[in-house]
Amino acid sequence: MVTSVKAYLLFLGLIAIERGFELALSHRNARIAFSRGAREYGQKPFRLMAALHSAFLPACAAEVILLHRPFPGLLGAIALLGALGSQALRYWAILTLGSRWNVKIIAVPGERPITGGPYRFIRHPNYVAVSLEMACVPLIHGCWLTAIVFSIANALVLQKRIRGEEKALGEAYAAAFSDRPRFLPRLHRGA
């Protein structure tokens, strides 16, 4: 069990390093956007979301250590696949948006919405990735309390965040995405 806990903590450490890279990328992209006349929206919901995300990885580590959560076998393996899938979806969204990707709501007036990549299927693939990650990363090592608490908190934060983001992106965004669901792609399109 000690070996699986160490491996899990190493995995959490790698995610933390990845988050540092994403914050640096976001900061760089914000500078680019502001140089093109961008405005930032929704600072209060962002601070709440940042606090939630900052507490997530430590909560996973604390639950596995303090509550002696064992590796749950097949469920842990499935959760690991879900966590890796969430990373793939996140980076597909990041690569698709390029310099327009950001952890904050920053919009350049008049920019046309990007509708390629995962955005062909859903409006918010990055938030789908985050939601999947909040559920799966804790379950890799049986941290079901963290999975439940952070998934619910994330859903509540995302409600306000998404409303603010869609409003900030304006009418062109609303028109371009009027036929796309927010989170789950349609399996087929009717005629």
N, C-alpha and C. Protein backbone atom coordinates (compact mmCIF):
# COMPACT_ATOMS: atom_id res chain seq x y z
N MET A 1 0.83 -1.20 0.00
CA MET A 1 0.00 0.00 0.00
C MET A 1 0.87 1.26 0.00
N VAL A 2 1.98 1.25 0.72
CA VAL A 2 2.85 2.41 0.79
C VAL A 2 3.35 2.78 -0.61
N THR A 3 3.67 1.77 -1.42
CA THR A 3 4.14 2.03 -2.78
C THR A 3 3.06 2.70 -3.62
N SER A 4 1.80 2.24 -3.51
CA SER A 4 0.73 2.84 -4.30
C SER A 4 0.44 4.26 -3.83
N VAL A 5 0.56 4.53 -2.53
CA VAL A 5 0.36 5.90 -2.03
C VAL A 5 1.46 6.81 -2.56
N LYS A 6 2.70 6.34 -2.54
CA LYS A 6 3.80 7.15 -3.07
C LYS A 6 3.60 7.44 -4.56
N ALA A 7 3.17 6.42 -5.30
CA ALA A 7 2.92 6.61 -6.74
C ALA A 7 1.80 7.63 -6.96
N TYR A 8 0.76 7.54 -6.14
CA TYR A 8 -0.37 8.48 -6.25
C TYR A 8 0.09 9.90 -5.92
N LEU A 9 0.87 10.06 -4.86
CA LEU A 9 1.36 11.39 -4.50
C LEU A 9 2.28 11.94 -5.58
N LEU A 10 3.06 11.10 -6.22
CA LEU A 10 3.90 11.52 -7.35
C LEU A 10 3.01 11.99 -8.50
N PHE A 11 1.95 11.24 -8.78
CA PHE A 11 0.99 11.63 -9.82
C PHE A 11 0.39 13.00 -9.52
N LEU A 12 -0.01 13.22 -8.26
CA LEU A 12 -0.55 14.53 -7.87
C LEU A 12 0.50 15.62 -8.04
N GLY A 13 1.75 15.31 -7.73
CA GLY A 13 2.83 16.27 -7.92
C GLY A 13 3.02 16.65 -9.38
N LEU A 14 2.88 15.66 -10.26
CA LEU A 14 2.99 15.93 -11.70
C LEU A 14 1.84 16.82 -12.17
N ILE A 15 0.66 16.59 -11.64
CA ILE A 15 -0.48 17.46 -11.98
C ILE A 15 -0.21 18.88 -11.49
N ALA A 16 0.36 19.02 -10.30
CA ALA A 16 0.68 20.36 -9.77
C ALA A 16 1.68 21.08 -10.68
N ILE A 17 2.68 20.36 -11.16
CA ILE A 17 3.64 20.96 -12.09
C ILE A 17 2.94 21.38 -13.38
N GLU A 18 2.04 20.53 -13.86
CA GLU A 18 1.27 20.86 -15.05
C GLU A 18 0.46 22.14 -14.83
N ARG A 19 -0.14 22.28 -13.65
CA ARG A 19 -0.93 23.47 -13.35
C ARG A 19 -0.04 24.72 -13.38
N GLY A 20 1.18 24.60 -12.88
CA GLY A 20 2.11 25.72 -12.94
C GLY A 20 2.39 26.13 -14.38
N PHE A 21 2.60 25.14 -15.25
CA PHE A 21 2.79 25.41 -16.68
C PHE A 21 1.57 26.11 -17.26
N GLU A 22 0.37 25.63 -16.90
CA GLU A 22 -0.86 26.23 -17.43
C GLU A 22 -1.01 27.67 -16.96
N LEU A 23 -0.66 27.95 -15.71
CA LEU A 23 -0.76 29.33 -15.22
C LEU A 23 0.21 30.25 -15.95
N ALA A 24 1.41 29.76 -16.22
CA ALA A 24 2.38 30.56 -16.98
C ALA A 24 1.87 30.80 -18.40
N LEU A 25 1.31 29.78 -19.02
CA LEU A 25 0.75 29.92 -20.37
C LEU A 25 -0.42 30.91 -20.36
N SER A 26 -1.26 30.82 -19.36
CA SER A 26 -2.39 31.72 -19.23
C SER A 26 -1.93 33.17 -19.07
N HIS A 27 -0.91 33.37 -18.25
CA HIS A 27 -0.36 34.73 -18.04
C HIS A 27 0.18 35.29 -19.35
N ARG A 28 0.91 34.48 -20.09
CA ARG A 28 1.44 34.91 -21.39
C ARG A 28 0.29 35.25 -22.34
N ASN A 29 -0.72 34.39 -22.39
CA ASN A 29 -1.85 34.62 -23.29
C ASN A 29 -2.64 35.86 -22.89
N ALA A 30 -2.72 36.14 -21.59
CA ALA A 30 -3.41 37.36 -21.14
C ALA A 30 -2.68 38.60 -21.65
N ARG A 31 -1.35 38.60 -21.57
CA ARG A 31 -0.57 39.74 -22.08
C ARG A 31 -0.85 39.95 -23.57
N ILE A 32 -0.90 38.86 -24.32
CA ILE A 32 -1.17 38.96 -25.76
C ILE A 32 -2.56 39.55 -25.98
N ALA A 33 -3.55 39.04 -25.24
CA ALA A 33 -4.93 39.52 -25.41
C ALA A 33 -5.05 40.99 -25.03
N PHE A 34 -4.45 41.39 -23.92
CA PHE A 34 -4.54 42.79 -23.50
C PHE A 34 -3.85 43.71 -24.49
N SER A 35 -2.82 43.23 -25.16
CA SER A 35 -2.16 44.04 -26.19
C SER A 35 -3.07 44.25 -27.40
N ARG A 36 -4.09 43.40 -27.54
CA ARG A 36 -5.06 43.52 -28.64
C ARG A 36 -6.36 44.17 -28.18
N GLY A 37 -6.36 44.76 -26.98
CA GLY A 37 -7.53 45.50 -26.50
C GLY A 37 -8.53 44.68 -25.71
N ALA A 38 -8.12 43.58 -25.16
CA ALA A 38 -9.04 42.71 -24.41
C ALA A 38 -9.47 43.35 -23.10
N ARG A 39 -10.59 42.82 -22.60
CA ARG A 39 -11.11 43.18 -21.28
C ARG A 39 -11.26 41.90 -20.48
N GLU A 40 -11.10 42.03 -19.16
CA GLU A 40 -11.29 40.89 -18.27
C GLU A 40 -12.65 41.01 -17.59
N TYR A 41 -13.30 39.87 -17.44
CA TYR A 41 -14.63 39.80 -16.84
C TYR A 41 -14.62 38.76 -15.71
N GLY A 42 -15.56 38.90 -14.80
CA GLY A 42 -15.82 37.86 -13.81
C GLY A 42 -14.69 37.57 -12.84
N GLN A 43 -14.08 38.62 -12.26
CA GLN A 43 -12.97 38.39 -11.34
C GLN A 43 -13.41 37.65 -10.08
N LYS A 44 -14.59 37.96 -9.55
CA LYS A 44 -15.03 37.31 -8.30
C LYS A 44 -15.23 35.80 -8.49
N PRO A 45 -15.96 35.36 -9.52
CA PRO A 45 -16.07 33.91 -9.73
C PRO A 45 -14.72 33.25 -9.98
N PHE A 46 -13.79 33.98 -10.62
CA PHE A 46 -12.47 33.41 -10.87
C PHE A 46 -11.74 33.15 -9.56
N ARG A 47 -11.81 34.11 -8.64
CA ARG A 47 -11.13 33.93 -7.35
C ARG A 47 -11.68 32.71 -6.61
N LEU A 48 -12.97 32.51 -6.67
CA LEU A 48 -13.59 31.34 -6.05
C LEU A 48 -13.12 30.06 -6.73
N MET A 49 -13.08 30.07 -8.05
CA MET A 49 -12.63 28.90 -8.79
C MET A 49 -11.15 28.63 -8.51
N ALA A 50 -10.33 29.67 -8.44
CA ALA A 50 -8.90 29.49 -8.15
C ALA A 50 -8.71 28.89 -6.76
N ALA A 51 -9.48 29.34 -5.79
CA ALA A 51 -9.38 28.78 -4.44
C ALA A 51 -9.76 27.30 -4.43
N LEU A 52 -10.82 26.96 -5.15
CA LEU A 52 -11.26 25.56 -5.24
C LEU A 52 -10.18 24.70 -5.87
N HIS A 53 -9.63 25.15 -6.96
CA HIS A 53 -8.60 24.38 -7.66
C HIS A 53 -7.31 24.29 -6.85
N SER A 54 -6.99 25.34 -6.09
CA SER A 54 -5.80 25.32 -5.25
C SER A 54 -5.92 24.30 -4.12
N ALA A 55 -7.12 24.08 -3.64
CA ALA A 55 -7.34 23.15 -2.53
C ALA A 55 -7.51 21.70 -3.01
N PHE A 56 -7.76 21.50 -4.30
CA PHE A 56 -8.10 20.17 -4.82
C PHE A 56 -6.99 19.14 -4.62
N LEU A 57 -5.80 19.40 -5.12
CA LEU A 57 -4.73 18.41 -5.02
C LEU A 57 -4.32 18.15 -3.57
N PRO A 58 -4.19 19.19 -2.72
CA PRO A 58 -3.91 18.91 -1.31
C PRO A 58 -5.01 18.07 -0.64
N ALA A 59 -6.26 18.28 -1.03
CA ALA A 59 -7.35 17.48 -0.46
C ALA A 59 -7.22 16.02 -0.86
N CYS A 60 -6.84 15.78 -2.12
CA CYS A 60 -6.62 14.39 -2.56
C CYS A 60 -5.53 13.74 -1.73
N ALA A 61 -4.42 14.46 -1.56
CA ALA A 61 -3.29 13.92 -0.78
C ALA A 61 -3.69 13.70 0.67
N ALA A 62 -4.39 14.66 1.25
CA ALA A 62 -4.79 14.54 2.66
C ALA A 62 -5.71 13.35 2.87
N GLU A 63 -6.67 13.15 1.98
CA GLU A 63 -7.60 12.03 2.17
C GLU A 63 -6.88 10.69 2.07
N VAL A 64 -6.01 10.55 1.10
CA VAL A 64 -5.32 9.26 0.95
C VAL A 64 -4.42 8.98 2.15
N ILE A 65 -3.78 10.04 2.69
CA ILE A 65 -2.85 9.84 3.82
C ILE A 65 -3.61 9.72 5.15
N LEU A 66 -4.47 10.69 5.43
CA LEU A 66 -5.12 10.74 6.74
C LEU A 66 -6.18 9.66 6.93
N LEU A 67 -6.87 9.30 5.85
CA LEU A 67 -7.93 8.29 5.96
C LEU A 67 -7.48 6.93 5.46
N HIS A 68 -6.20 6.82 5.14
CA HIS A 68 -5.60 5.53 4.74
C HIS A 68 -6.39 4.84 3.62
N ARG A 69 -6.66 5.60 2.58
CA ARG A 69 -7.42 5.05 1.46
C ARG A 69 -6.55 4.07 0.67
N PRO A 70 -7.04 2.86 0.48
CA PRO A 70 -6.28 1.89 -0.32
C PRO A 70 -6.55 2.11 -1.81
N PHE A 71 -5.64 1.61 -2.63
CA PHE A 71 -5.87 1.63 -4.07
C PHE A 71 -7.05 0.72 -4.37
N PRO A 72 -8.07 1.20 -5.08
CA PRO A 72 -9.30 0.42 -5.26
C PRO A 72 -9.30 -0.54 -6.45
N GLY A 73 -8.16 -0.93 -6.95
CA GLY A 73 -8.10 -1.93 -8.01
C GLY A 73 -8.67 -1.44 -9.32
N LEU A 74 -9.64 -2.17 -9.85
CA LEU A 74 -10.21 -1.86 -11.16
C LEU A 74 -10.80 -0.45 -11.20
N LEU A 75 -11.51 -0.04 -10.15
CA LEU A 75 -12.06 1.32 -10.11
C LEU A 75 -10.94 2.35 -10.22
N GLY A 76 -9.83 2.12 -9.54
CA GLY A 76 -8.70 3.04 -9.62
C GLY A 76 -8.12 3.11 -11.01
N ALA A 77 -8.03 1.95 -11.67
CA ALA A 77 -7.52 1.92 -13.04
C ALA A 77 -8.45 2.66 -14.00
N ILE A 78 -9.75 2.47 -13.83
CA ILE A 78 -10.74 3.18 -14.67
C ILE A 78 -10.66 4.68 -14.41
N ALA A 79 -10.52 5.06 -13.13
CA ALA A 79 -10.40 6.47 -12.78
C ALA A 79 -9.13 7.08 -13.39
N LEU A 80 -8.05 6.31 -13.40
CA LEU A 80 -6.81 6.80 -14.01
C LEU A 80 -7.01 7.05 -15.50
N LEU A 81 -7.70 6.13 -16.17
CA LEU A 81 -8.00 6.34 -17.60
C LEU A 81 -8.86 7.58 -17.80
N GLY A 82 -9.83 7.80 -16.91
CA GLY A 82 -10.67 9.00 -16.98
C GLY A 82 -9.85 10.27 -16.77
N ALA A 83 -8.93 10.22 -15.80
CA ALA A 83 -8.07 11.39 -15.53
C ALA A 83 -7.17 11.68 -16.73
N LEU A 84 -6.60 10.65 -17.33
CA LEU A 84 -5.76 10.85 -18.51
C LEU A 84 -6.59 11.36 -19.69
N GLY A 85 -7.80 10.84 -19.83
CA GLY A 85 -8.71 11.33 -20.87
C GLY A 85 -9.05 12.80 -20.67
N SER A 86 -9.22 13.21 -19.41
CA SER A 86 -9.51 14.62 -19.13
C SER A 86 -8.33 15.50 -19.55
N GLN A 87 -7.12 15.01 -19.35
CA GLN A 87 -5.93 15.77 -19.77
C GLN A 87 -5.88 15.90 -21.30
N ALA A 88 -6.20 14.82 -21.98
CA ALA A 88 -6.19 14.86 -23.45
C ALA A 88 -7.21 15.88 -23.96
N LEU A 89 -8.41 15.87 -23.37
CA LEU A 89 -9.45 16.82 -23.78
C LEU A 89 -9.02 18.25 -23.46
N ARG A 90 -8.43 18.46 -22.28
CA ARG A 90 -7.98 19.80 -21.88
C ARG A 90 -6.96 20.33 -22.89
N TYR A 91 -5.98 19.52 -23.25
CA TYR A 91 -4.94 20.01 -24.15
C TYR A 91 -5.43 20.12 -25.59
N TRP A 92 -6.43 19.36 -25.96
CA TRP A 92 -7.05 19.56 -27.27
C TRP A 92 -7.70 20.95 -27.30
N ALA A 93 -8.40 21.30 -26.23
CA ALA A 93 -9.03 22.63 -26.15
C ALA A 93 -7.97 23.73 -26.12
N ILE A 94 -6.92 23.55 -25.33
CA ILE A 94 -5.86 24.56 -25.23
C ILE A 94 -5.18 24.76 -26.59
N LEU A 95 -4.85 23.68 -27.26
CA LEU A 95 -4.21 23.80 -28.57
C LEU A 95 -5.13 24.43 -29.60
N THR A 96 -6.42 24.11 -29.53
CA THR A 96 -7.38 24.68 -30.46
C THR A 96 -7.50 26.20 -30.27
N LEU A 97 -7.55 26.64 -29.02
CA LEU A 97 -7.69 28.07 -28.75
C LEU A 97 -6.39 28.84 -28.93
N GLY A 98 -5.26 28.15 -28.83
CA GLY A 98 -3.97 28.82 -29.00
C GLY A 98 -3.79 29.94 -27.99
N SER A 99 -3.39 31.11 -28.46
CA SER A 99 -3.12 32.23 -27.55
C SER A 99 -4.39 32.80 -26.94
N ARG A 100 -5.55 32.31 -27.35
CA ARG A 100 -6.81 32.80 -26.77
C ARG A 100 -7.23 31.99 -25.54
N TRP A 101 -6.54 30.89 -25.26
CA TRP A 101 -6.88 30.11 -24.08
C TRP A 101 -6.41 30.85 -22.83
N ASN A 102 -7.23 30.83 -21.79
CA ASN A 102 -6.87 31.49 -20.54
C ASN A 102 -7.68 30.91 -19.40
N VAL A 103 -7.12 30.99 -18.19
CA VAL A 103 -7.86 30.53 -17.02
C VAL A 103 -8.85 31.60 -16.56
N LYS A 104 -8.66 32.82 -17.03
CA LYS A 104 -9.57 33.92 -16.71
C LYS A 104 -10.49 34.16 -17.88
N ILE A 105 -11.53 34.94 -17.64
CA ILE A 105 -12.43 35.33 -18.73
C ILE A 105 -11.87 36.63 -19.31
N ILE A 106 -11.21 36.49 -20.44
CA ILE A 106 -10.59 37.63 -21.13
C ILE A 106 -11.06 37.58 -22.58
N ALA A 107 -11.70 38.65 -23.02
CA ALA A 107 -12.24 38.67 -24.37
C ALA A 107 -11.79 39.93 -25.11
N VAL A 108 -11.42 39.73 -26.36
CA VAL A 108 -11.06 40.84 -27.24
C VAL A 108 -12.32 41.19 -28.03
N PRO A 109 -12.80 42.43 -27.89
CA PRO A 109 -14.00 42.82 -28.63
C PRO A 109 -13.83 42.60 -30.13
N GLY A 110 -14.84 42.00 -30.74
CA GLY A 110 -14.86 41.81 -32.18
C GLY A 110 -14.18 40.55 -32.67
N GLU A 111 -13.51 39.81 -31.81
CA GLU A 111 -12.88 38.56 -32.26
C GLU A 111 -13.95 37.52 -32.55
N ARG A 112 -13.76 36.84 -33.66
CA ARG A 112 -14.69 35.77 -34.02
C ARG A 112 -14.45 34.55 -33.13
N PRO A 113 -15.49 33.86 -32.75
CA PRO A 113 -15.31 32.67 -31.91
C PRO A 113 -14.60 31.55 -32.65
N ILE A 114 -13.85 30.76 -31.92
CA ILE A 114 -13.20 29.58 -32.48
C ILE A 114 -14.17 28.42 -32.36
N THR A 115 -14.44 27.78 -33.49
CA THR A 115 -15.45 26.72 -33.50
C THR A 115 -14.89 25.38 -33.96
N GLY A 116 -13.57 25.26 -34.03
CA GLY A 116 -12.96 24.00 -34.45
C GLY A 116 -12.58 23.13 -33.27
N GLY A 117 -11.82 22.09 -33.55
CA GLY A 117 -11.37 21.17 -32.49
C GLY A 117 -12.55 20.62 -31.71
N PRO A 118 -12.42 20.52 -30.39
CA PRO A 118 -13.53 19.98 -29.60
C PRO A 118 -14.73 20.92 -29.56
N TYR A 119 -14.53 22.18 -29.95
CA TYR A 119 -15.62 23.15 -29.97
C TYR A 119 -16.61 22.87 -31.09
N ARG A 120 -16.27 21.95 -32.00
CA ARG A 120 -17.23 21.52 -33.03
C ARG A 120 -18.38 20.75 -32.40
N PHE A 121 -18.13 20.16 -31.23
CA PHE A 121 -19.09 19.25 -30.61
C PHE A 121 -19.78 19.83 -29.38
N ILE A 122 -19.05 20.62 -28.59
CA ILE A 122 -19.59 21.20 -27.36
C ILE A 122 -19.02 22.59 -27.15
N ARG A 123 -19.71 23.39 -26.35
CA ARG A 123 -19.28 24.76 -26.09
C ARG A 123 -18.11 24.86 -25.11
N HIS A 124 -18.04 23.95 -24.14
CA HIS A 124 -17.08 24.10 -23.05
C HIS A 124 -16.27 22.83 -22.78
N PRO A 125 -15.45 22.40 -23.73
CA PRO A 125 -14.69 21.17 -23.51
C PRO A 125 -13.70 21.26 -22.35
N ASN A 126 -13.14 22.44 -22.11
CA ASN A 126 -12.20 22.57 -20.99
C ASN A 126 -12.91 22.34 -19.66
N TYR A 127 -14.15 22.82 -19.53
CA TYR A 127 -14.89 22.61 -18.29
C TYR A 127 -15.33 21.16 -18.14
N VAL A 128 -15.57 20.49 -19.25
CA VAL A 128 -15.84 19.06 -19.20
C VAL A 128 -14.60 18.34 -18.67
N ALA A 129 -13.44 18.73 -19.17
CA ALA A 129 -12.18 18.12 -18.72
C ALA A 129 -11.96 18.35 -17.23
N VAL A 130 -12.21 19.57 -16.77
CA VAL A 130 -12.04 19.88 -15.35
C VAL A 130 -13.01 19.06 -14.50
N SER A 131 -14.25 18.96 -14.94
CA SER A 131 -15.25 18.19 -14.18
C SER A 131 -14.88 16.72 -14.12
N LEU A 132 -14.43 16.17 -15.23
CA LEU A 132 -13.99 14.77 -15.26
C LEU A 132 -12.79 14.58 -14.34
N GLU A 133 -11.87 15.51 -14.37
CA GLU A 133 -10.69 15.44 -13.52
C GLU A 133 -11.07 15.48 -12.04
N MET A 134 -11.99 16.36 -11.66
CA MET A 134 -12.41 16.48 -10.26
C MET A 134 -13.02 15.18 -9.75
N ALA A 135 -13.67 14.45 -10.63
CA ALA A 135 -14.26 13.17 -10.23
C ALA A 135 -13.23 12.04 -10.24
N CYS A 136 -12.38 12.01 -11.25
CA CYS A 136 -11.50 10.86 -11.46
C CYS A 136 -10.20 10.88 -10.66
N VAL A 137 -9.55 12.02 -10.57
CA VAL A 137 -8.24 12.05 -9.89
C VAL A 137 -8.35 11.53 -8.45
N PRO A 138 -9.33 11.95 -7.66
CA PRO A 138 -9.42 11.40 -6.31
C PRO A 138 -9.73 9.90 -6.29
N LEU A 139 -10.56 9.45 -7.22
CA LEU A 139 -10.97 8.04 -7.23
C LEU A 139 -9.85 7.10 -7.64
N ILE A 140 -8.77 7.63 -8.22
CA ILE A 140 -7.63 6.78 -8.57
C ILE A 140 -7.14 6.04 -7.33
N HIS A 141 -7.22 6.71 -6.18
CA HIS A 141 -6.76 6.06 -4.95
C HIS A 141 -7.86 6.03 -3.89
N GLY A 142 -9.11 5.93 -4.31
CA GLY A 142 -10.22 5.71 -3.38
C GLY A 142 -10.63 6.91 -2.56
N CYS A 143 -10.29 8.11 -2.98
CA CYS A 143 -10.64 9.32 -2.21
C CYS A 143 -12.03 9.81 -2.61
N TRP A 144 -13.02 9.05 -2.26
CA TRP A 144 -14.38 9.34 -2.70
C TRP A 144 -14.95 10.60 -2.06
N LEU A 145 -14.55 10.94 -0.83
CA LEU A 145 -15.04 12.18 -0.21
C LEU A 145 -14.59 13.39 -1.02
N THR A 146 -13.32 13.42 -1.38
CA THR A 146 -12.79 14.52 -2.18
C THR A 146 -13.50 14.58 -3.53
N ALA A 147 -13.72 13.43 -4.14
CA ALA A 147 -14.40 13.39 -5.44
C ALA A 147 -15.80 14.00 -5.34
N ILE A 148 -16.54 13.64 -4.32
CA ILE A 148 -17.91 14.15 -4.17
C ILE A 148 -17.92 15.64 -3.85
N VAL A 149 -17.16 16.04 -2.83
CA VAL A 149 -17.17 17.44 -2.38
C VAL A 149 -16.69 18.38 -3.48
N PHE A 150 -15.58 18.04 -4.13
CA PHE A 150 -15.03 18.94 -5.15
C PHE A 150 -15.85 18.91 -6.44
N SER A 151 -16.46 17.79 -6.76
CA SER A 151 -17.32 17.74 -7.95
C SER A 151 -18.55 18.63 -7.76
N ILE A 152 -19.15 18.57 -6.59
CA ILE A 152 -20.32 19.42 -6.31
C ILE A 152 -19.91 20.89 -6.29
N ALA A 153 -18.83 21.20 -5.58
CA ALA A 153 -18.37 22.60 -5.51
C ALA A 153 -18.02 23.12 -6.90
N ASN A 154 -17.36 22.30 -7.71
CA ASN A 154 -17.00 22.71 -9.06
C ASN A 154 -18.25 22.99 -9.90
N ALA A 155 -19.25 22.14 -9.78
CA ALA A 155 -20.50 22.35 -10.54
C ALA A 155 -21.15 23.67 -10.15
N LEU A 156 -21.14 24.00 -8.86
CA LEU A 156 -21.74 25.26 -8.42
C LEU A 156 -20.96 26.46 -8.93
N VAL A 157 -19.64 26.38 -8.89
CA VAL A 157 -18.80 27.48 -9.37
C VAL A 157 -18.95 27.64 -10.88
N LEU A 158 -19.00 26.51 -11.60
CA LEU A 158 -19.10 26.59 -13.06
C LEU A 158 -20.41 27.21 -13.53
N GLN A 159 -21.48 27.06 -12.77
CA GLN A 159 -22.75 27.67 -13.19
C GLN A 159 -22.58 29.17 -13.39
N LYS A 160 -22.01 29.83 -12.41
CA LYS A 160 -21.82 31.28 -12.51
C LYS A 160 -20.72 31.61 -13.53
N ARG A 161 -19.67 30.86 -13.52
CA ARG A 161 -18.54 31.10 -14.43
C ARG A 161 -18.99 31.04 -15.90
N ILE A 162 -19.75 30.01 -16.23
CA ILE A 162 -20.18 29.83 -17.63
C ILE A 162 -21.13 30.95 -18.05
N ARG A 163 -22.05 31.33 -17.19
CA ARG A 163 -22.94 32.44 -17.53
C ARG A 163 -22.13 33.70 -17.82
N GLY A 164 -21.15 33.99 -16.96
CA GLY A 164 -20.31 35.18 -17.16
C GLY A 164 -19.48 35.09 -18.42
N GLU A 165 -18.93 33.92 -18.69
CA GLU A 165 -18.09 33.75 -19.87
C GLU A 165 -18.91 33.90 -21.15
N GLU A 166 -20.06 33.26 -21.21
CA GLU A 166 -20.89 33.35 -22.41
C GLU A 166 -21.37 34.77 -22.65
N LYS A 167 -21.67 35.49 -21.57
CA LYS A 167 -22.07 36.89 -21.71
C LYS A 167 -20.91 37.73 -22.23
N ALA A 168 -19.72 37.51 -21.69
CA ALA A 168 -18.54 38.28 -22.10
C ALA A 168 -18.18 38.02 -23.56
N LEU A 169 -18.39 36.81 -24.03
CA LEU A 169 -18.03 36.48 -25.41
C LEU A 169 -19.03 37.04 -26.42
N GLY A 170 -20.20 37.44 -25.96
CA GLY A 170 -21.12 38.24 -26.77
C GLY A 170 -21.97 37.51 -27.79
N GLU A 171 -22.56 38.32 -28.65
CA GLU A 171 -23.55 37.84 -29.62
C GLU A 171 -22.95 36.92 -30.68
N ALA A 172 -21.73 37.22 -31.12
CA ALA A 172 -21.11 36.36 -32.15
C ALA A 172 -20.92 34.95 -31.60
N TYR A 173 -20.50 34.85 -30.34
CA TYR A 173 -20.34 33.55 -29.70
C TYR A 173 -21.70 32.85 -29.59
N ALA A 174 -22.71 33.59 -29.12
CA ALA A 174 -24.05 33.01 -28.96
C ALA A 174 -24.58 32.48 -30.28
N ALA A 175 -24.37 33.22 -31.35
CA ALA A 175 -24.85 32.78 -32.66
C ALA A 175 -24.07 31.56 -33.15
N ALA A 176 -22.75 31.57 -32.98
CA ALA A 176 -21.92 30.46 -33.47
C ALA A 176 -22.18 29.16 -32.72
N PHE A 177 -22.58 29.26 -31.44
CA PHE A 177 -22.75 28.07 -30.62
C PHE A 177 -24.20 27.76 -30.26
N SER A 178 -25.13 28.42 -30.91
CA SER A 178 -26.54 28.23 -30.55
C SER A 178 -27.02 26.79 -30.74
N ASP A 179 -26.37 26.05 -31.64
CA ASP A 179 -26.80 24.68 -31.91
C ASP A 179 -25.96 23.64 -31.18
N ARG A 180 -25.04 24.08 -30.30
CA ARG A 180 -24.15 23.13 -29.62
C ARG A 180 -24.47 23.06 -28.14
N PRO A 181 -24.49 21.85 -27.61
CA PRO A 181 -24.72 21.72 -26.17
C PRO A 181 -23.50 22.21 -25.39
N ARG A 182 -23.71 22.53 -24.12
CA ARG A 182 -22.61 23.04 -23.30
C ARG A 182 -21.59 21.96 -22.99
N PHE A 183 -22.04 20.75 -22.63
CA PHE A 183 -21.11 19.76 -22.08
C PHE A 183 -21.06 18.42 -22.80
N LEU A 184 -22.17 17.85 -23.11
CA LEU A 184 -22.19 16.51 -23.70
C LEU A 184 -22.56 16.59 -25.17
N PRO A 185 -21.70 16.05 -26.05
CA PRO A 185 -22.01 16.11 -27.48
C PRO A 185 -23.24 15.27 -27.81
N ARG A 186 -23.94 15.72 -28.81
CA ARG A 186 -25.09 14.93 -29.28
C ARG A 186 -24.57 13.72 -30.03
N LEU A 187 -25.22 12.60 -29.85
CA LEU A 187 -24.78 11.39 -30.53
C LEU A 187 -25.14 11.43 -32.02
N HIS A 188 -26.20 12.12 -32.35
CA HIS A 188 -26.58 12.29 -33.76
C HIS A 188 -27.33 13.60 -33.88
N ARG A 189 -27.33 14.11 -35.08
CA ARG A 189 -28.07 15.35 -35.35
C ARG A 189 -29.29 15.03 -36.18
N GLY A 190 -30.39 15.60 -35.78
CA GLY A 190 -31.61 15.39 -36.52
C GLY A 190 -31.61 16.23 -37.79
N ALA A 191 -32.47 15.90 -38.73
CA ALA A 191 -32.53 16.63 -39.99
C ALA A 191 -33.32 17.89 -39.85
